[in-house]
Amino acid sequence: MKHYLGISAGFHDASASVVNSQGEIVFAGHSERYSKIKNDPNIHADLIWDLSKDRYIDHIAYYETPWKKQLRQLYSGQGIEWNKLTAKQIIHTQLRGYFKHVPISTHSHHLSHAAAGFQTSPFDRATVVVIDAIGEWDTISIWGAEYKDGRAKYQQLWGQRYPHSIGLFYSAMTQRIGLKPMEDEYILMGMSAYGSPRYFKDIDNELIDSYFETTFNQNLHLGVDQTFLSNASNEDIAASAQFVLEKLVYYVMSRAGGFNWSTNLVYSGGVALNCLANRNLGDYFDNIWIMPCPGDAGSSLGAAALVYGKQILWHNAYLGHCIPGPYPVNSILDCLLSDKIVGVANGHAEFGPRALGNRSLLADPRGNDIKDRVNEIKHRQKFRPFAPVILEEHVGDYFDMPSGFCDTGYMQVVGRCRHPDLYPAISHVDGTSRIQTVPQGNRGIRVLLEAWYKKTGCPMLLNTSLNIKGEPIVNNRADADRFEKLYGVKVIS
């Protein structure tokens, strides 16, 4: 049995994935969960130990091409950030220190994104769209992907290059309202529901050169002047930025569909995490797949997929560090019935930014005070929304779901809640919810939801990530113990 290790590191949210020669994902995890440094760009030694125990690594695949990235950094005036490990140092010093004689290959940043999406998808042929902040030079790429003799083949159909970038635009607007770019974009997305897009024309006139070509009037890598929209509220800026982002994304999707390569869409890159924009993708494609980790961390899996070369056996996102033991359904249920809120840390950690039941804070979605209680526990802004996790067969009774998605189990799209007055804890101010459906089977969160439904008649729970403020999602039992001690909430394993 051979094992192919994919690495994404050096920029933000370093990760590692292992695929074996039968196409099984045997491990995928984030470095930040081990170092406790949010979006840690460096590979942590404990992550390497976790993925390599009991298996030999035969090949290492790095998610981008270092010399191309360094050339772009020199072009953009960034130079070399001496306080960070360069990709070359990661490959030749760090990885060589762990794996002395293992061959290492490098792959295009956007092709790694494309492979992570397509080779985990259920499609034999698909149009692949990658939209992110920046790779080496590419910021948008459209691919025709298919399998020939069982091997994945990619043909680039169109692309946009630095400095024109939808991702950099959204990060610049995130910074404009006082949030942290490359980290807090999801907060801007949530804030947008509280404002009006009244300033989208100002953004058009000042920043956008062409929607059709996805070009900008200035290099938004540098951010925007803090005097831009100086009289606007942060909420209205957020709403206007979200409006413009969606318009830009839909122009790209229209262009992608125009190639008539396939009516199947695979969407990847960090912008694919914008679940508000995702709700209308069914207007452009019949069938849609977004892997649970479409950002740079997911590209570690993409790099490994490129070396493996064939379709990967995708089952679920529970691929990281394991806290052993059966899923503690009865103990969780007892806490929910008595206290309304409980943490769970059990089984394999989720790969990607969303907690999906194995590293989750769960709560009864029906109480008027639940949202405020959970926000207080997590020390979050009160406007931030929470997601429902629901038995798949009941979702249509409670939410208007968008069309086209092959799998709605990863909180990647919003739907309108049909009864927001009955479920205030999971309904945002705009009436939407970021939904996680759970299909039939013996998965722990499924069995819990069935038991909860039998007891209460409610087929859903509030689900948010189990993390200490300023830190990544809980990884091991020691992290769970710290959470209990700091916040006084029971965490069951």
Foldseek 3Di string as FASTA:
>chain_A
DAKEKFWFAFPWFTKIWIAGLVQETQFIDTQQQVVQAHRHRAHDPVQVVFVPPPHDHAEYEYQADQVLLQVVCVVVVNHDDVVTDGPVCCVPPVVCVVPVPHYYYYDHNVLLLQQLFPLQDPDQWAWEWEAAQATSWWRIWIWTWHADPQFIDIDTDDTDTPLQHLHLLLQLLCVLQPHHGPPCSVVLLLLLLVAALPCLVVCCVQWNDDLLNRGTPDRSNVHDPNCRPVVDHSNNSSNNSVVVSLSSVVSVLQVNLVVVSALEYGYAEPVLQSQASVLCSCVRHQAYTYPLARYSSSSSVSRSSVVSRGRHHDDFQQRHFADDDDQPQVVVLVCCVPPQKAFEAHTGAGNHQFGQPNQKIKGAQFDPCVQVVVCVLQVHDSQGAWAKEFAQVCCVVFWDGGGHYPALARLSHKTAGPCCNRRVRQAHPNRIGSYHYDYDDDDSVCVNLVVNCVVPVDGIITIGANAHHSTGGNGYVVRVVVSCVVRVHHYYD
